[in-house]
Amino acid sequence: RHTVIFWWVSQHAQTERLKKWIDILVATPGRLLDLMNQGFINLKNVEIFILDEADRMLNMWFINDVKKVLTKLPTKKQTLFFSATMPKEILTLANSILHNPVKVEVAPVSSTADTVKQAVYSVKKHDKKLLLAYLLKNPSIVSVLVFTRTKHWADRVVKDLEKVWVVAEAIHWNKSQNARQRALNNFKTKQTRVLVATDIAARWIDVDDLSHVINYDLPNESETYVHRIWRTWRAGQSGIALSFCDGEEVEYLQDIQKLIWRKIDIVEDHPFAVKMQQAQISAQKKTSSPQKTFSSKRKRNYR
């Protein structure tokens, strides 16, 4: 038996399900702590603790909640951290939490990023809305997830698209749970062509048939870029990720290219192009570490 608990939905429905024996509980840290404090959940019998998207869960947004949850877990357990990327500072933090962990690398960031077709459009900041409208004239861009850095810009992009008759909706944490779910359903059923999202809100977006990801703003954390573009690479499908880069974001582009160990093609053949020198990175490819395995004995001691 399994169930899921998170904020912004009826607590009663969730606690009723928790009254039955649960084998697998999927939870957000905040809601989990809330129901633990109310006495609905006890973690003393947990055998396996999994932290998905560990690089995001251990950043400033969630680290305190995660640490509180860890103190309520039994000493004898298996702890697994799953993550698409693991920056050094997060890895250091993870090592302080885990006991003698074993790293299992399925595929390096560079090889997975290669499965997504990527391009960067050089553009002035105030021309980004015009460039987005221009690109959306292409009928092959059927279903697109647009990322912005802030909630304010997500709403603003939607308003700009509505002015040129493009059906778009925004999804971020200032929206109610019902509004977010409605926007996501409209997007999945193709009633909405463009879904504009912030990174935090996009964490729970699961869309299989996504033709394009567009980075309206380049993220200031290069690992976030990887999380974004992989959303258009689902079930082995090759996706397309387009990014807008203004003069203030060139440094972000350089960091991204260093992380994925490849140069991203810069597109200047469009009406709003500005000259931008290709960010230079080493042409040397990272050598991926061989996949490590561990025995069942080691696994039992892995916590």
Protein backbone atom coordinates (compact mmCIF):
# COMPACT_ATOMS: atom_id res chain seq x y z
CA ARG A 1 0.00 0.00 0.00
CA HIS A 2 1.16 3.50 -0.71
CA THR A 3 -0.02 7.08 -0.41
CA VAL A 4 1.22 10.61 -0.99
CA ILE A 5 1.01 13.70 1.23
CA PHE A 6 1.71 17.33 0.36
CA TRP A 7 0.48 20.83 1.06
CA TRP A 8 -2.54 22.68 -0.39
CA VAL A 9 -4.96 19.76 -0.35
CA SER A 10 -7.33 18.48 2.30
CA GLN A 11 -5.49 17.21 5.36
CA HIS A 12 -8.48 15.08 6.37
CA ALA A 13 -8.31 12.97 3.21
CA GLN A 14 -4.61 12.39 3.75
CA THR A 15 -4.89 11.48 7.43
CA GLU A 16 -7.72 9.05 6.70
CA ARG A 17 -5.43 7.16 4.33
CA LEU A 18 -2.66 7.20 6.94
CA LYS A 19 -4.88 5.32 9.41
CA LYS A 20 -4.33 2.22 7.28
CA TRP A 21 -0.98 0.44 7.20
CA ILE A 22 1.24 2.13 4.61
CA ASP A 23 4.22 0.39 2.99
CA ILE A 24 5.40 3.35 0.91
CA LEU A 25 4.86 6.99 1.83
CA VAL A 26 5.74 9.74 -0.65
CA ALA A 27 5.86 13.14 1.01
CA THR A 28 7.07 16.71 0.83
CA PRO A 29 9.21 17.61 3.87
CA GLY A 30 6.96 20.38 5.17
CA ARG A 31 3.74 18.37 5.12
CA LEU A 32 5.51 15.33 6.55
CA LEU A 33 6.77 17.32 9.54
CA ASP A 34 3.37 18.93 10.03
CA LEU A 35 1.57 15.58 10.25
CA MET A 36 4.33 14.14 12.41
CA ASN A 37 3.92 17.02 14.86
CA GLN A 38 0.18 16.36 14.95
CA GLY A 39 0.80 12.71 15.79
CA PHE A 40 -0.45 11.19 12.53
CA ILE A 41 2.93 9.82 11.42
CA ASN A 42 5.68 7.96 13.27
CA LEU A 43 8.87 7.07 11.41
CA LYS A 44 10.31 4.62 13.95
CA ASN A 45 9.71 1.60 11.70
CA VAL A 46 11.17 3.08 8.50
CA GLU A 47 13.56 0.65 6.80
CA ILE A 48 14.42 2.64 3.66
CA PHE A 49 14.60 6.43 3.39
CA ILE A 50 14.85 7.93 -0.11
CA LEU A 51 15.60 11.56 -0.88
CA ASP A 52 14.69 12.21 -4.51
CA GLU A 53 16.27 15.17 -6.33
CA ALA A 54 18.72 15.38 -3.45
CA ASP A 55 20.57 18.37 -4.84
CA ARG A 56 17.37 20.39 -4.63
CA MET A 57 16.19 18.94 -1.33
CA LEU A 58 19.49 19.79 0.36
CA ASN A 59 19.61 23.40 -0.76
CA MET A 60 18.50 26.39 1.28
CA TRP A 61 14.79 25.78 0.62
CA PHE A 62 14.50 22.37 2.26
CA ILE A 63 17.66 21.52 4.21
CA ASN A 64 16.29 22.42 7.65
CA ASP A 65 13.14 20.36 7.13
CA VAL A 66 15.15 17.42 5.81
CA LYS A 67 17.46 17.50 8.83
CA LYS A 68 14.46 17.49 11.17
CA VAL A 69 13.03 14.44 9.40
CA LEU A 70 16.38 12.64 9.63
CA THR A 71 16.42 13.03 13.42
CA LYS A 72 13.13 11.11 13.62
CA LEU A 73 14.36 8.12 11.62
CA PRO A 74 15.73 4.96 13.24
CA THR A 75 19.51 4.50 13.31
CA LYS A 76 19.33 1.21 11.42
CA LYS A 77 18.02 1.95 7.95
CA GLN A 78 19.10 2.31 4.35
CA THR A 79 19.34 5.85 3.02
CA LEU A 80 19.34 6.55 -0.72
CA PHE A 81 19.94 9.92 -2.36
CA PHE A 82 18.83 10.19 -6.00
CA SER A 83 19.93 13.19 -8.03
CA ALA A 84 20.52 14.23 -11.63
CA THR A 85 23.39 16.44 -10.49
CA MET A 86 25.45 16.69 -7.32
CA PRO A 87 27.42 19.93 -6.97
CA LYS A 88 30.40 19.92 -4.61
CA GLU A 89 28.76 21.89 -1.82
CA ILE A 90 25.72 19.60 -1.82
CA LEU A 91 27.95 16.50 -1.97
CA THR A 92 29.85 17.75 1.09
CA LEU A 93 26.57 18.24 2.91
CA ALA A 94 25.34 14.80 1.86
CA ASN A 95 28.52 13.19 3.16
CA SER A 96 27.96 14.86 6.52
CA ILE A 97 24.54 13.19 6.70
CA LEU A 98 25.35 9.76 5.27
CA HIS A 99 27.59 7.10 6.78
CA ASN A 100 30.27 5.77 4.41
CA PRO A 101 28.10 6.24 1.29
CA VAL A 102 28.68 4.50 -2.03
CA LYS A 103 28.23 6.55 -5.19
CA VAL A 104 26.44 4.84 -8.06
CA GLU A 105 26.59 6.79 -11.32
CA VAL A 106 24.18 5.62 -14.00
CA ALA A 107 25.13 8.23 -16.60
CA PRO A 108 27.22 11.40 -16.43
CA VAL A 109 25.54 14.76 -16.87
CA SER A 110 27.34 15.33 -20.18
CA SER A 111 26.09 12.13 -21.84
CA THR A 112 22.47 12.66 -20.84
CA ALA A 113 22.59 16.32 -21.88
CA ASP A 114 23.77 15.15 -25.30
CA THR A 115 20.39 13.48 -25.86
CA VAL A 116 18.69 16.89 -25.84
CA LYS A 117 19.07 19.21 -28.82
CA GLN A 118 20.15 22.55 -27.39
CA ALA A 119 20.50 26.07 -28.77
CA VAL A 120 21.02 29.55 -27.34
CA TYR A 121 19.43 32.67 -28.81
CA SER A 122 21.35 35.89 -28.27
CA VAL A 123 18.88 38.67 -27.49
CA LYS A 124 18.52 41.87 -25.52
CA LYS A 125 16.55 41.50 -22.32
CA HIS A 126 13.68 43.74 -23.42
CA ASP A 127 13.36 41.82 -26.72
CA LYS A 128 12.85 38.41 -25.14
CA LYS A 129 9.06 38.68 -25.30
CA LEU A 130 9.28 39.49 -29.02
CA LEU A 131 11.64 36.58 -29.63
CA LEU A 132 9.33 34.17 -27.81
CA ALA A 133 6.34 35.29 -29.88
CA TYR A 134 8.46 34.96 -33.03
CA LEU A 135 9.51 31.39 -32.22
CA LEU A 136 5.96 30.35 -31.38
CA LYS A 137 4.94 31.14 -34.95
CA ASN A 138 6.61 27.82 -35.76
CA PRO A 139 3.84 25.17 -35.73
CA SER A 140 6.35 22.44 -34.80
CA ILE A 141 6.54 23.95 -31.31
CA VAL A 142 3.41 22.15 -30.19
CA SER A 143 3.78 21.92 -26.44
CA VAL A 144 6.32 24.14 -24.68
CA LEU A 145 7.36 24.58 -21.06
CA VAL A 146 8.84 28.05 -20.51
CA PHE A 147 11.01 28.69 -17.47
CA THR A 148 11.38 32.06 -15.79
CA ARG A 149 13.46 32.98 -12.77
CA THR A 150 10.64 34.63 -10.79
CA LYS A 151 6.88 34.41 -10.27
CA HIS A 152 6.52 38.01 -11.43
CA TRP A 153 8.12 37.24 -14.77
CA ALA A 154 6.04 34.08 -15.21
CA ASP A 155 2.85 36.13 -14.99
CA ARG A 156 4.29 38.83 -17.20
CA VAL A 157 5.28 36.37 -19.93
CA VAL A 158 1.74 34.96 -19.95
CA LYS A 159 0.28 38.45 -20.38
CA ASP A 160 2.69 39.19 -23.23
CA LEU A 161 1.72 35.95 -24.99
CA GLU A 162 -1.98 36.61 -24.57
CA LYS A 163 -1.51 39.91 -26.41
CA VAL A 164 -0.34 37.96 -29.48
CA TRP A 165 -3.12 35.35 -29.16
CA VAL A 166 -1.00 32.53 -27.77
CA VAL A 167 -2.83 30.38 -25.20
CA ALA A 168 -0.61 30.31 -22.12
CA GLU A 169 -0.89 29.81 -18.37
CA ALA A 170 1.51 30.36 -15.48
CA ILE A 171 2.24 27.98 -12.66
CA HIS A 172 3.98 29.05 -9.46
CA TRP A 173 3.50 28.96 -5.69
CA ASN A 174 1.41 32.12 -5.55
CA LYS A 175 -1.27 30.13 -7.38
CA SER A 176 -3.67 27.94 -5.42
CA GLN A 177 -3.38 24.17 -5.66
CA ASN A 178 -6.58 24.07 -7.73
CA ALA A 179 -5.26 26.74 -10.11
CA ARG A 180 -1.95 24.91 -10.55
CA GLN A 181 -3.69 21.59 -11.16
CA ARG A 182 -6.09 23.16 -13.63
CA ALA A 183 -3.23 24.78 -15.55
CA LEU A 184 -1.33 21.50 -15.66
CA ASN A 185 -4.38 19.55 -16.85
CA ASN A 186 -5.03 22.12 -19.58
CA PHE A 187 -1.43 21.77 -20.68
CA LYS A 188 -1.52 17.97 -20.73
CA THR A 189 -4.74 17.94 -22.75
CA LYS A 190 -3.33 20.46 -25.25
CA GLN A 191 -5.89 23.13 -24.35
CA THR A 192 -2.93 25.28 -23.36
CA ARG A 193 0.03 25.45 -25.70
CA VAL A 194 2.48 27.20 -23.37
CA LEU A 195 3.00 26.59 -19.67
CA VAL A 196 5.19 29.18 -17.96
CA ALA A 197 6.75 28.00 -14.71
CA THR A 198 9.25 28.80 -12.02
CA ASP A 199 11.75 26.13 -11.03
CA ILE A 200 10.20 25.44 -7.63
CA ALA A 201 6.68 25.04 -9.04
CA ALA A 202 7.93 22.88 -11.91
CA ARG A 203 9.27 20.24 -9.53
CA TRP A 204 6.01 18.28 -9.59
CA ILE A 205 5.21 18.81 -13.28
CA ASP A 206 5.18 15.47 -15.07
CA VAL A 207 4.43 15.75 -18.79
CA ASP A 208 5.36 12.98 -21.20
CA ASP A 209 4.56 14.64 -24.53
CA LEU A 210 6.63 17.83 -24.35
CA SER A 211 8.09 19.11 -27.61
CA HIS A 212 10.18 22.00 -26.29
CA VAL A 213 11.64 23.58 -23.18
CA ILE A 214 12.44 27.28 -23.44
CA ASN A 215 14.61 29.03 -20.88
CA TYR A 216 13.26 32.57 -20.97
CA ASP A 217 15.83 33.33 -18.28
CA LEU A 218 19.02 31.33 -17.91
CA PRO A 219 19.28 29.99 -14.36
CA ASN A 220 22.09 31.26 -12.16
CA GLU A 221 22.71 27.68 -11.01
CA SER A 222 23.95 25.52 -13.86
CA GLU A 223 22.52 22.36 -12.27
CA THR A 224 19.06 23.92 -12.59
CA TYR A 225 19.58 24.09 -16.35
CA VAL A 226 20.08 20.33 -16.46
CA HIS A 227 16.91 19.74 -14.44
CA ARG A 228 14.99 21.97 -16.84
CA ILE A 229 16.10 20.48 -20.15
CA TRP A 230 15.68 16.88 -19.02
CA ARG A 231 11.95 17.52 -18.84
CA THR A 232 11.88 17.34 -22.62
CA TRP A 233 13.78 14.04 -22.56
CA ARG A 234 11.33 11.50 -21.25
CA ALA A 235 11.05 7.82 -22.05
CA GLY A 236 14.17 7.98 -24.23
CA GLN A 237 12.75 10.63 -26.52
CA SER A 238 15.10 13.28 -27.89
CA GLY A 239 13.89 16.70 -26.82
CA ILE A 240 14.64 20.29 -27.81
CA ALA A 241 15.76 22.96 -25.36
CA LEU A 242 16.07 26.60 -26.42
CA SER A 243 17.56 29.29 -24.20
CA PHE A 244 17.47 33.08 -24.36
CA CYS A 245 20.69 34.79 -23.29
CA ASP A 246 21.13 38.52 -22.79
CA GLY A 247 24.36 40.32 -21.95
CA GLU A 248 23.93 39.84 -18.22
CA GLU A 249 23.52 36.07 -18.57
CA VAL A 250 26.69 35.20 -20.51
CA GLU A 251 28.42 34.15 -17.30
CA TYR A 252 25.55 31.75 -16.56
CA LEU A 253 25.96 30.27 -20.04
CA GLN A 254 29.66 29.69 -19.43
CA ASP A 255 28.93 27.87 -16.18
CA ILE A 256 26.32 25.70 -17.88
CA GLN A 257 28.70 24.70 -20.66
CA LYS A 258 31.38 23.80 -18.12
CA LEU A 259 28.94 21.55 -16.30
CA ILE A 260 27.71 19.68 -19.38
CA TRP A 261 31.14 19.71 -21.07
CA ARG A 262 29.97 20.95 -24.42
CA LYS A 263 29.44 24.16 -26.32
CA ILE A 264 25.86 25.07 -27.06
CA ASP A 265 25.22 26.49 -30.51
CA ILE A 266 24.40 30.19 -30.51
CA VAL A 267 21.64 31.20 -32.94
CA GLU A 268 22.03 34.70 -34.32
CA ASP A 269 19.86 34.23 -37.40
CA HIS A 270 16.72 35.83 -36.01
CA PRO A 271 15.25 39.37 -36.05
CA PHE A 272 16.30 40.24 -32.49
CA ALA A 273 19.84 38.89 -32.49
CA VAL A 274 22.78 40.63 -30.88
CA LYS A 275 26.40 39.69 -31.40
CA MET A 276 27.65 37.46 -28.62
CA GLN A 277 30.98 35.71 -28.41
CA GLN A 278 30.69 31.99 -27.91
CA ALA A 279 31.52 31.16 -24.31
CA GLN A 280 34.77 29.21 -24.25
CA ILE A 281 35.07 25.91 -22.44
CA SER A 282 37.55 23.08 -22.59
CA ALA A 283 36.96 20.70 -25.46
CA GLN A 284 38.17 17.84 -23.31
CA LYS A 285 35.41 15.50 -22.31
CA LYS A 286 35.08 14.28 -18.76
CA THR A 287 35.83 10.63 -18.31
CA SER A 288 32.85 9.09 -16.61
CA SER A 289 33.56 6.99 -13.58
CA PRO A 290 32.80 3.29 -13.92
CA GLN A 291 29.53 2.32 -12.38
CA LYS A 292 30.03 1.14 -8.82
CA THR A 293 28.11 -1.61 -7.15
CA PHE A 294 27.94 -2.70 -3.57
CA SER A 295 27.24 -5.98 -1.86
CA SER A 296 24.11 -6.73 0.07
CA LYS A 297 26.16 -6.57 3.27
CA ARG A 298 27.40 -3.09 2.40
CA LYS A 299 23.90 -2.07 1.46
CA ARG A 300 22.55 -3.00 4.89
CA ASN A 301 25.16 -0.79 6.55
CA TYR A 302 24.55 2.09 4.17
CA ARG A 303 22.69 4.81 6.06
